[in-house]
Amino acid sequence: MTDNHVDVDSLFGRFLAKETENPLYFGEKLAKVGTDEVRTRLLNLLDLEDMDDAFLAVKALLLMPNKEETLERLLSTILRPANRGKNGGLVSLLEEFDLGEHFVDIFRIFLFGTFKASTLAKGYLDYMEFEITPRTLKKVEKHWNHFLNNASNDDSFELKKMEGEEIIQELKDLLSQG
């Protein structure tokens, strides 16, 4: 085992220790090491159930190059059904990325996320620029129909239904102008 490997293991230990007062300090040190091993270990934290560790991992990954790979894994983690009730913190990190090609993913978070996740996603949909194609609209309509067929009919459903219909109409209008 090399000295560098021992240092990385020690940094990860401090980074992930629940009693560490400032874990991002160690995340910054890991990002400075910047090896493929560090990147892979940080990305792998997104596959586990601990959303606090996943949040910290993304914060460290944001300090490293290749944000697109991080965004793909982050979206995958957010959209995993097992994480739906606990992913609001991760959704807040999406503002750090270029979401231009991820309208459908953000729309899904809007539809199926917790109140916090859905509210954040709606903000992204309203204020970020996206690449919209006829295929985007088709995928959005597919998820919309799934939502309509599977959501509970409560007060939040009516509001989300109204907002979703507005979003879809805006997409149709946008595509008809192009």
N, C-alpha and C. Protein backbone atom coordinates (compact mmCIF):
# COMPACT_ATOMS: atom_id res chain seq x y z
N MET A 1 0.85 -1.17 0.00
CA MET A 1 0.00 0.00 0.00
C MET A 1 0.90 1.24 0.00
N THR A 2 0.64 2.15 -0.94
CA THR A 2 1.47 3.35 -1.03
C THR A 2 1.05 4.36 0.03
N ASP A 3 1.95 5.30 0.30
CA ASP A 3 1.63 6.37 1.25
C ASP A 3 0.42 7.16 0.78
N ASN A 4 0.36 7.40 -0.54
CA ASN A 4 -0.76 8.16 -1.10
C ASN A 4 -2.08 7.43 -0.85
N HIS A 5 -2.07 6.11 -0.98
CA HIS A 5 -3.28 5.33 -0.77
C HIS A 5 -3.71 5.39 0.69
N VAL A 6 -2.75 5.33 1.59
CA VAL A 6 -3.06 5.43 3.02
C VAL A 6 -3.67 6.80 3.30
N ASP A 7 -3.10 7.85 2.73
CA ASP A 7 -3.63 9.20 2.94
C ASP A 7 -5.05 9.30 2.42
N VAL A 8 -5.33 8.72 1.27
CA VAL A 8 -6.68 8.76 0.70
C VAL A 8 -7.65 8.02 1.62
N ASP A 9 -7.25 6.86 2.10
CA ASP A 9 -8.12 6.12 3.02
C ASP A 9 -8.40 6.93 4.28
N SER A 10 -7.36 7.57 4.81
CA SER A 10 -7.51 8.39 6.01
C SER A 10 -8.43 9.58 5.73
N LEU A 11 -8.25 10.22 4.57
CA LEU A 11 -9.11 11.35 4.21
C LEU A 11 -10.57 10.91 4.08
N PHE A 12 -10.78 9.77 3.44
CA PHE A 12 -12.15 9.26 3.31
C PHE A 12 -12.74 8.95 4.68
N GLY A 13 -11.93 8.39 5.57
CA GLY A 13 -12.42 8.09 6.91
C GLY A 13 -12.88 9.34 7.63
N ARG A 14 -12.10 10.39 7.56
CA ARG A 14 -12.46 11.66 8.21
C ARG A 14 -13.63 12.32 7.49
N PHE A 15 -13.64 12.23 6.18
CA PHE A 15 -14.70 12.83 5.35
C PHE A 15 -16.06 12.23 5.69
N LEU A 16 -16.10 10.93 5.92
CA LEU A 16 -17.37 10.24 6.13
C LEU A 16 -17.73 10.02 7.59
N ALA A 17 -16.82 10.34 8.50
CA ALA A 17 -17.11 10.15 9.93
C ALA A 17 -18.21 11.12 10.35
N LYS A 18 -19.25 10.58 10.95
CA LYS A 18 -20.40 11.41 11.34
C LYS A 18 -20.04 12.46 12.39
N GLU A 19 -18.98 12.20 13.15
CA GLU A 19 -18.60 13.15 14.20
C GLU A 19 -17.66 14.25 13.69
N THR A 20 -17.23 14.18 12.43
CA THR A 20 -16.35 15.20 11.87
C THR A 20 -17.12 16.52 11.77
N GLU A 21 -16.54 17.57 12.36
CA GLU A 21 -17.21 18.86 12.39
C GLU A 21 -17.33 19.50 11.01
N ASN A 22 -16.29 19.44 10.21
CA ASN A 22 -16.30 20.06 8.90
C ASN A 22 -15.86 19.04 7.84
N PRO A 23 -16.75 18.14 7.46
CA PRO A 23 -16.35 17.10 6.50
C PRO A 23 -15.96 17.66 5.14
N LEU A 24 -16.48 18.83 4.78
CA LEU A 24 -16.12 19.39 3.48
C LEU A 24 -14.65 19.79 3.40
N TYR A 25 -14.04 20.06 4.53
CA TYR A 25 -12.60 20.31 4.55
C TYR A 25 -11.85 19.10 3.97
N PHE A 26 -12.28 17.92 4.39
CA PHE A 26 -11.64 16.69 3.90
C PHE A 26 -12.08 16.38 2.47
N GLY A 27 -13.30 16.79 2.12
CA GLY A 27 -13.75 16.66 0.74
C GLY A 27 -12.91 17.50 -0.21
N GLU A 28 -12.55 18.70 0.24
CA GLU A 28 -11.67 19.56 -0.57
C GLU A 28 -10.30 18.90 -0.75
N LYS A 29 -9.79 18.30 0.31
CA LYS A 29 -8.50 17.63 0.22
C LYS A 29 -8.58 16.43 -0.75
N LEU A 30 -9.69 15.69 -0.69
CA LEU A 30 -9.87 14.58 -1.63
C LEU A 30 -9.94 15.09 -3.07
N ALA A 31 -10.66 16.18 -3.27
CA ALA A 31 -10.76 16.75 -4.62
C ALA A 31 -9.40 17.19 -5.13
N LYS A 32 -8.56 17.69 -4.24
CA LYS A 32 -7.21 18.11 -4.65
C LYS A 32 -6.36 16.90 -5.03
N VAL A 33 -6.56 15.77 -4.34
CA VAL A 33 -5.85 14.54 -4.75
C VAL A 33 -6.27 14.22 -6.17
N GLY A 34 -7.57 14.24 -6.42
CA GLY A 34 -8.12 14.21 -7.76
C GLY A 34 -7.86 13.00 -8.63
N THR A 35 -7.46 11.89 -8.06
CA THR A 35 -7.17 10.71 -8.87
C THR A 35 -8.47 10.05 -9.33
N ASP A 36 -8.33 9.15 -10.29
CA ASP A 36 -9.49 8.37 -10.73
C ASP A 36 -10.05 7.54 -9.59
N GLU A 37 -9.16 7.04 -8.72
CA GLU A 37 -9.62 6.25 -7.57
C GLU A 37 -10.51 7.10 -6.66
N VAL A 38 -10.10 8.33 -6.38
CA VAL A 38 -10.89 9.21 -5.52
C VAL A 38 -12.24 9.50 -6.18
N ARG A 39 -12.22 9.84 -7.47
CA ARG A 39 -13.46 10.12 -8.20
C ARG A 39 -14.40 8.91 -8.13
N THR A 40 -13.87 7.74 -8.39
CA THR A 40 -14.69 6.52 -8.38
C THR A 40 -15.27 6.27 -6.99
N ARG A 41 -14.45 6.42 -5.96
CA ARG A 41 -14.95 6.20 -4.60
C ARG A 41 -16.03 7.21 -4.22
N LEU A 42 -15.84 8.45 -4.64
CA LEU A 42 -16.86 9.47 -4.36
C LEU A 42 -18.15 9.16 -5.13
N LEU A 43 -18.02 8.80 -6.39
CA LEU A 43 -19.21 8.46 -7.19
C LEU A 43 -19.93 7.25 -6.61
N ASN A 44 -19.18 6.30 -6.11
CA ASN A 44 -19.80 5.10 -5.54
C ASN A 44 -20.63 5.41 -4.28
N LEU A 45 -20.31 6.50 -3.60
CA LEU A 45 -21.11 6.90 -2.44
C LEU A 45 -22.54 7.26 -2.85
N LEU A 46 -22.72 7.62 -4.11
CA LEU A 46 -24.06 7.95 -4.60
C LEU A 46 -24.93 6.72 -4.76
N ASP A 47 -24.32 5.55 -4.76
CA ASP A 47 -25.08 4.31 -4.93
C ASP A 47 -25.54 3.72 -3.60
N LEU A 48 -25.11 4.31 -2.50
CA LEU A 48 -25.46 3.80 -1.18
C LEU A 48 -26.71 4.49 -0.67
N GLU A 49 -27.19 4.08 0.47
CA GLU A 49 -28.45 4.60 1.01
C GLU A 49 -28.28 5.87 1.84
N ASP A 50 -27.09 6.22 2.21
CA ASP A 50 -26.87 7.37 3.09
C ASP A 50 -26.86 8.65 2.26
N MET A 51 -27.94 9.41 2.34
CA MET A 51 -28.07 10.64 1.55
C MET A 51 -27.12 11.73 2.04
N ASP A 52 -26.76 11.71 3.31
CA ASP A 52 -25.78 12.69 3.81
C ASP A 52 -24.42 12.45 3.17
N ASP A 53 -24.00 11.18 3.09
CA ASP A 53 -22.73 10.87 2.44
C ASP A 53 -22.79 11.19 0.95
N ALA A 54 -23.91 10.92 0.32
CA ALA A 54 -24.07 11.23 -1.11
C ALA A 54 -23.97 12.74 -1.33
N PHE A 55 -24.60 13.51 -0.45
CA PHE A 55 -24.55 14.97 -0.55
C PHE A 55 -23.10 15.45 -0.45
N LEU A 56 -22.38 14.96 0.56
CA LEU A 56 -20.98 15.34 0.73
C LEU A 56 -20.14 14.93 -0.48
N ALA A 57 -20.40 13.74 -1.01
CA ALA A 57 -19.65 13.27 -2.17
C ALA A 57 -19.85 14.21 -3.36
N VAL A 58 -21.08 14.62 -3.61
CA VAL A 58 -21.33 15.54 -4.72
C VAL A 58 -20.63 16.86 -4.49
N LYS A 59 -20.67 17.37 -3.25
CA LYS A 59 -19.98 18.63 -2.96
C LYS A 59 -18.48 18.51 -3.29
N ALA A 60 -17.87 17.37 -2.96
CA ALA A 60 -16.45 17.17 -3.27
C ALA A 60 -16.26 17.01 -4.78
N LEU A 61 -17.15 16.26 -5.42
CA LEU A 61 -17.04 16.05 -6.87
C LEU A 61 -17.19 17.35 -7.65
N LEU A 62 -17.94 18.29 -7.12
CA LEU A 62 -18.10 19.58 -7.79
C LEU A 62 -16.78 20.34 -7.88
N LEU A 63 -15.83 19.98 -7.04
CA LEU A 63 -14.52 20.63 -7.06
C LEU A 63 -13.56 19.96 -8.04
N MET A 64 -14.04 18.92 -8.72
CA MET A 64 -13.21 18.15 -9.64
C MET A 64 -13.73 18.33 -11.07
N PRO A 65 -12.89 18.05 -12.07
CA PRO A 65 -13.37 18.11 -13.45
C PRO A 65 -14.37 16.99 -13.75
N ASN A 66 -14.97 17.04 -14.91
CA ASN A 66 -15.92 16.03 -15.42
C ASN A 66 -17.22 16.05 -14.63
N LYS A 67 -17.84 17.21 -14.63
CA LYS A 67 -19.11 17.37 -13.91
C LYS A 67 -20.25 16.60 -14.57
N GLU A 68 -20.14 16.34 -15.86
CA GLU A 68 -21.24 15.64 -16.54
C GLU A 68 -21.43 14.23 -15.99
N GLU A 69 -20.34 13.53 -15.72
CA GLU A 69 -20.45 12.19 -15.13
C GLU A 69 -21.08 12.28 -13.74
N THR A 70 -20.69 13.30 -12.99
CA THR A 70 -21.27 13.49 -11.66
C THR A 70 -22.76 13.77 -11.78
N LEU A 71 -23.15 14.62 -12.73
CA LEU A 71 -24.57 14.93 -12.92
C LEU A 71 -25.37 13.68 -13.27
N GLU A 72 -24.85 12.85 -14.14
CA GLU A 72 -25.56 11.62 -14.53
C GLU A 72 -25.80 10.72 -13.32
N ARG A 73 -24.78 10.54 -12.50
CA ARG A 73 -24.91 9.69 -11.31
C ARG A 73 -25.83 10.33 -10.27
N LEU A 74 -25.75 11.65 -10.14
CA LEU A 74 -26.61 12.36 -9.20
C LEU A 74 -28.07 12.21 -9.60
N LEU A 75 -28.37 12.40 -10.87
CA LEU A 75 -29.75 12.25 -11.33
C LEU A 75 -30.24 10.82 -11.12
N SER A 76 -29.38 9.86 -11.39
CA SER A 76 -29.74 8.46 -11.17
C SER A 76 -30.08 8.21 -9.70
N THR A 77 -29.30 8.78 -8.80
CA THR A 77 -29.54 8.62 -7.37
C THR A 77 -30.84 9.30 -6.96
N ILE A 78 -31.05 10.51 -7.44
CA ILE A 78 -32.27 11.25 -7.11
C ILE A 78 -33.51 10.50 -7.59
N LEU A 79 -33.45 9.96 -8.80
CA LEU A 79 -34.61 9.32 -9.41
C LEU A 79 -34.85 7.88 -8.96
N ARG A 80 -33.91 7.31 -8.21
CA ARG A 80 -34.09 5.95 -7.70
C ARG A 80 -35.30 5.94 -6.77
N PRO A 81 -36.29 5.09 -7.03
CA PRO A 81 -37.51 5.08 -6.20
C PRO A 81 -37.26 4.99 -4.70
N ALA A 82 -36.26 4.25 -4.29
CA ALA A 82 -35.97 4.10 -2.86
C ALA A 82 -35.54 5.42 -2.21
N ASN A 83 -35.09 6.37 -3.02
CA ASN A 83 -34.60 7.64 -2.48
C ASN A 83 -35.63 8.77 -2.57
N ARG A 84 -36.79 8.50 -3.09
CA ARG A 84 -37.78 9.57 -3.34
C ARG A 84 -38.12 10.40 -2.11
N GLY A 85 -38.22 9.79 -0.98
CA GLY A 85 -38.63 10.52 0.22
C GLY A 85 -37.51 11.22 0.94
N LYS A 86 -36.29 11.10 0.45
CA LYS A 86 -35.15 11.64 1.20
C LYS A 86 -34.10 12.30 0.31
N ASN A 87 -34.50 12.75 -0.87
CA ASN A 87 -33.52 13.25 -1.82
C ASN A 87 -33.53 14.77 -2.02
N GLY A 88 -34.28 15.51 -1.21
CA GLY A 88 -34.39 16.95 -1.38
C GLY A 88 -33.04 17.66 -1.33
N GLY A 89 -32.18 17.25 -0.43
CA GLY A 89 -30.85 17.86 -0.35
C GLY A 89 -30.06 17.66 -1.63
N LEU A 90 -30.17 16.47 -2.20
CA LEU A 90 -29.47 16.20 -3.45
C LEU A 90 -30.04 17.03 -4.59
N VAL A 91 -31.36 17.19 -4.61
CA VAL A 91 -31.99 17.99 -5.66
C VAL A 91 -31.48 19.43 -5.59
N SER A 92 -31.22 19.92 -4.38
CA SER A 92 -30.72 21.29 -4.25
C SER A 92 -29.37 21.47 -4.93
N LEU A 93 -28.60 20.41 -5.05
CA LEU A 93 -27.27 20.49 -5.68
C LEU A 93 -27.34 20.59 -7.19
N LEU A 94 -28.49 20.30 -7.77
CA LEU A 94 -28.61 20.36 -9.24
C LEU A 94 -28.35 21.76 -9.78
N GLU A 95 -28.55 22.78 -8.95
CA GLU A 95 -28.32 24.14 -9.42
C GLU A 95 -26.87 24.38 -9.81
N GLU A 96 -25.98 23.51 -9.38
CA GLU A 96 -24.55 23.65 -9.69
C GLU A 96 -24.18 23.13 -11.08
N PHE A 97 -25.15 22.55 -11.78
CA PHE A 97 -24.87 21.88 -13.05
C PHE A 97 -25.60 22.55 -14.21
N ASP A 98 -25.11 22.27 -15.41
CA ASP A 98 -25.81 22.65 -16.63
C ASP A 98 -26.86 21.58 -16.88
N LEU A 99 -28.11 21.93 -16.70
CA LEU A 99 -29.21 20.97 -16.83
C LEU A 99 -29.85 21.01 -18.21
N GLY A 100 -29.26 21.74 -19.14
CA GLY A 100 -29.86 22.00 -20.45
C GLY A 100 -30.39 20.78 -21.18
N GLU A 101 -29.78 19.64 -21.00
CA GLU A 101 -30.21 18.43 -21.71
C GLU A 101 -30.99 17.48 -20.81
N HIS A 102 -31.45 17.97 -19.67
CA HIS A 102 -32.09 17.09 -18.69
C HIS A 102 -33.50 17.55 -18.29
N PHE A 103 -34.21 18.15 -19.22
CA PHE A 103 -35.56 18.63 -18.92
C PHE A 103 -36.44 17.49 -18.42
N VAL A 104 -36.39 16.36 -19.08
CA VAL A 104 -37.26 15.23 -18.72
C VAL A 104 -36.96 14.76 -17.30
N ASP A 105 -35.70 14.66 -16.95
CA ASP A 105 -35.34 14.23 -15.59
C ASP A 105 -35.85 15.22 -14.55
N ILE A 106 -35.71 16.50 -14.82
CA ILE A 106 -36.17 17.52 -13.88
C ILE A 106 -37.70 17.49 -13.79
N PHE A 107 -38.36 17.28 -14.91
CA PHE A 107 -39.82 17.17 -14.91
C PHE A 107 -40.26 15.97 -14.06
N ARG A 108 -39.55 14.86 -14.16
CA ARG A 108 -39.87 13.68 -13.34
C ARG A 108 -39.72 13.98 -11.86
N ILE A 109 -38.66 14.71 -11.50
CA ILE A 109 -38.47 15.09 -10.10
C ILE A 109 -39.63 15.99 -9.66
N PHE A 110 -40.03 16.92 -10.53
CA PHE A 110 -41.17 17.78 -10.23
C PHE A 110 -42.42 16.94 -9.96
N LEU A 111 -42.67 15.96 -10.80
CA LEU A 111 -43.89 15.16 -10.66
C LEU A 111 -43.88 14.24 -9.45
N PHE A 112 -42.78 13.56 -9.23
CA PHE A 112 -42.76 12.46 -8.27
C PHE A 112 -41.96 12.73 -7.00
N GLY A 113 -41.39 13.92 -6.88
CA GLY A 113 -40.55 14.23 -5.72
C GLY A 113 -41.35 14.63 -4.50
N THR A 114 -40.64 14.70 -3.39
CA THR A 114 -41.24 15.23 -2.16
C THR A 114 -41.56 16.71 -2.39
N PHE A 115 -42.18 17.33 -1.42
CA PHE A 115 -42.52 18.74 -1.56
C PHE A 115 -41.26 19.57 -1.87
N LYS A 116 -40.20 19.35 -1.10
CA LYS A 116 -38.96 20.10 -1.31
C LYS A 116 -38.37 19.82 -2.69
N ALA A 117 -38.25 18.56 -3.05
CA ALA A 117 -37.67 18.19 -4.34
C ALA A 117 -38.51 18.75 -5.48
N SER A 118 -39.82 18.61 -5.37
CA SER A 118 -40.72 19.08 -6.41
C SER A 118 -40.65 20.60 -6.56
N THR A 119 -40.59 21.30 -5.46
CA THR A 119 -40.52 22.77 -5.49
C THR A 119 -39.21 23.23 -6.13
N LEU A 120 -38.11 22.59 -5.76
CA LEU A 120 -36.82 22.93 -6.37
C LEU A 120 -36.84 22.63 -7.87
N ALA A 121 -37.37 21.48 -8.24
CA ALA A 121 -37.43 21.11 -9.65
C ALA A 121 -38.27 22.10 -10.45
N LYS A 122 -39.39 22.53 -9.88
CA LYS A 122 -40.24 23.52 -10.56
C LYS A 122 -39.46 24.80 -10.79
N GLY A 123 -38.68 25.21 -9.83
CA GLY A 123 -37.82 26.39 -10.01
C GLY A 123 -36.84 26.21 -11.15
N TYR A 124 -36.22 25.04 -11.24
CA TYR A 124 -35.30 24.78 -12.35
C TYR A 124 -36.03 24.80 -13.68
N LEU A 125 -37.21 24.20 -13.71
CA LEU A 125 -37.99 24.18 -14.96
C LEU A 125 -38.36 25.60 -15.39
N ASP A 126 -38.66 26.44 -14.43
CA ASP A 126 -39.08 27.81 -14.73
C ASP A 126 -37.93 28.72 -15.15
N TYR A 127 -36.74 28.51 -14.58
CA TYR A 127 -35.69 29.50 -14.74
C TYR A 127 -34.41 29.05 -15.45
N MET A 128 -34.27 27.78 -15.72
CA MET A 128 -33.08 27.32 -16.44
C MET A 128 -33.42 27.13 -17.91
N GLU A 129 -32.38 27.22 -18.73
CA GLU A 129 -32.58 27.02 -20.16
C GLU A 129 -32.36 25.55 -20.50
N PHE A 130 -33.25 25.04 -21.34
CA PHE A 130 -33.21 23.63 -21.72
C PHE A 130 -33.24 23.48 -23.23
N GLU A 131 -32.67 22.37 -23.69
CA GLU A 131 -32.80 21.97 -25.09
C GLU A 131 -34.10 21.20 -25.21
N ILE A 132 -35.05 21.73 -25.97
CA ILE A 132 -36.37 21.11 -26.10
C ILE A 132 -36.54 20.63 -27.55
N THR A 133 -36.89 19.36 -27.69
CA THR A 133 -37.14 18.77 -29.00
C THR A 133 -38.50 18.07 -28.97
N PRO A 134 -39.01 17.68 -30.12
CA PRO A 134 -40.26 16.91 -30.11
C PRO A 134 -40.14 15.63 -29.26
N ARG A 135 -38.96 15.04 -29.24
CA ARG A 135 -38.75 13.84 -28.43
C ARG A 135 -38.87 14.16 -26.93
N THR A 136 -38.39 15.34 -26.54
CA THR A 136 -38.53 15.79 -25.15
C THR A 136 -40.01 15.83 -24.78
N LEU A 137 -40.81 16.44 -25.63
CA LEU A 137 -42.25 16.54 -25.36
C LEU A 137 -42.88 15.15 -25.25
N LYS A 138 -42.50 14.26 -26.14
CA LYS A 138 -43.05 12.90 -26.11
C LYS A 138 -42.73 12.20 -24.78
N LYS A 139 -41.48 12.34 -24.31
CA LYS A 139 -41.08 11.71 -23.04
C LYS A 139 -41.80 12.37 -21.86
N VAL A 140 -41.93 13.69 -21.91
CA VAL A 140 -42.63 14.40 -20.84
C VAL A 140 -44.08 13.93 -20.77
N GLU A 141 -44.71 13.80 -21.92
CA GLU A 141 -46.11 13.35 -21.94
C GLU A 141 -46.25 11.93 -21.41
N LYS A 142 -45.26 11.09 -21.67
CA LYS A 142 -45.28 9.71 -21.14
C LYS A 142 -45.25 9.74 -19.60
N HIS A 143 -44.35 10.53 -19.04
CA HIS A 143 -44.26 10.62 -17.58
C HIS A 143 -45.49 11.31 -17.00
N TRP A 144 -46.03 12.27 -17.72
CA TRP A 144 -47.23 12.96 -17.29
C TRP A 144 -48.40 11.98 -17.18
N ASN A 145 -48.56 11.15 -18.19
CA ASN A 145 -49.65 10.16 -18.16
C ASN A 145 -49.46 9.16 -17.02
N HIS A 146 -48.23 8.77 -16.78
CA HIS A 146 -47.95 7.88 -15.65
C HIS A 146 -48.34 8.57 -14.34
N PHE A 147 -47.99 9.82 -14.20
CA PHE A 147 -48.35 10.59 -13.01
C PHE A 147 -49.87 10.65 -12.85
N LEU A 148 -50.56 11.00 -13.91
CA LEU A 148 -52.03 11.13 -13.83
C LEU A 148 -52.70 9.82 -13.45
N ASN A 149 -52.16 8.71 -13.93
CA ASN A 149 -52.76 7.41 -13.67
C ASN A 149 -52.39 6.82 -12.31
N ASN A 150 -51.36 7.37 -11.65
CA ASN A 150 -50.87 6.74 -10.42
C ASN A 150 -50.85 7.66 -9.20
N ALA A 151 -51.13 8.93 -9.37
CA ALA A 151 -51.05 9.86 -8.24
C ALA A 151 -52.33 9.81 -7.42
N SER A 152 -52.19 10.13 -6.15
CA SER A 152 -53.38 10.21 -5.31
C SER A 152 -54.06 11.55 -5.57
N ASN A 153 -55.36 11.55 -5.53
CA ASN A 153 -56.14 12.75 -5.85
C ASN A 153 -56.33 13.62 -4.62
N ASP A 154 -55.26 14.30 -4.17
CA ASP A 154 -55.38 15.19 -3.02
C ASP A 154 -55.19 16.64 -3.47
N ASP A 155 -55.12 17.55 -2.51
CA ASP A 155 -54.97 18.96 -2.86
C ASP A 155 -53.70 19.24 -3.65
N SER A 156 -52.60 18.62 -3.26
CA SER A 156 -51.35 18.85 -3.97
C SER A 156 -51.42 18.30 -5.40
N PHE A 157 -52.21 17.25 -5.60
CA PHE A 157 -52.38 16.71 -6.94
C PHE A 157 -52.99 17.75 -7.88
N GLU A 158 -54.01 18.44 -7.42
CA GLU A 158 -54.67 19.45 -8.27
C GLU A 158 -53.71 20.57 -8.65
N LEU A 159 -52.93 21.03 -7.72
CA LEU A 159 -51.96 22.09 -8.00
C LEU A 159 -50.91 21.59 -8.99
N LYS A 160 -50.38 20.39 -8.73
CA LYS A 160 -49.36 19.84 -9.62
C LYS A 160 -49.94 19.57 -11.00
N LYS A 161 -51.19 19.14 -11.06
CA LYS A 161 -51.86 18.89 -12.33
C LYS A 161 -51.95 20.19 -13.13
N MET A 162 -52.34 21.25 -12.47
CA MET A 162 -52.46 22.54 -13.13
C MET A 162 -51.09 23.02 -13.64
N GLU A 163 -50.08 22.92 -12.79
CA GLU A 163 -48.73 23.34 -13.18
C GLU A 163 -48.18 22.46 -14.30
N GLY A 164 -48.40 21.16 -14.20
CA GLY A 164 -47.92 20.24 -15.24
C GLY A 164 -48.57 20.50 -16.58
N GLU A 165 -49.88 20.74 -16.58
CA GLU A 165 -50.57 21.06 -17.83
C GLU A 165 -50.02 22.33 -18.45
N GLU A 166 -49.71 23.30 -17.61
CA GLU A 166 -49.14 24.56 -18.09
C GLU A 166 -47.76 24.33 -18.72
N ILE A 167 -46.95 23.52 -18.07
CA ILE A 167 -45.61 23.22 -18.61
C ILE A 167 -45.73 22.53 -19.96
N ILE A 168 -46.59 21.55 -20.06
CA ILE A 168 -46.75 20.81 -21.31
C ILE A 168 -47.27 21.73 -22.41
N GLN A 169 -48.20 22.60 -22.09
CA GLN A 169 -48.72 23.53 -23.09
C GLN A 169 -47.61 24.48 -23.57
N GLU A 170 -46.78 24.95 -22.64
CA GLU A 170 -45.66 25.81 -23.01
C GLU A 170 -44.69 25.09 -23.93
N LEU A 171 -44.44 23.81 -23.66
CA LEU A 171 -43.57 23.03 -24.56
C LEU A 171 -44.17 22.93 -25.94
N LYS A 172 -45.48 22.63 -26.01
CA LYS A 172 -46.15 22.52 -27.30
C LYS A 172 -46.09 23.85 -28.06
N ASP A 173 -46.33 24.94 -27.36
CA ASP A 173 -46.27 26.25 -27.99
C ASP A 173 -44.87 26.55 -28.51
N LEU A 174 -43.88 26.25 -27.69
CA LEU A 174 -42.49 26.47 -28.06
C LEU A 174 -42.13 25.67 -29.32
N LEU A 175 -42.53 24.42 -29.34
CA LEU A 175 -42.19 23.56 -30.50
C LEU A 175 -42.96 23.96 -31.75
N SER A 176 -44.17 24.48 -31.61
CA SER A 176 -44.95 24.88 -32.77
C SER A 176 -44.40 26.16 -33.40
N GLN A 177 -43.68 26.97 -32.61
CA GLN A 177 -43.06 28.19 -33.12
C GLN A 177 -41.78 27.91 -33.88
N GLY A 178 -41.13 26.80 -33.53
CA GLY A 178 -39.83 26.47 -34.09
C GLY A 178 -39.94 25.93 -35.43
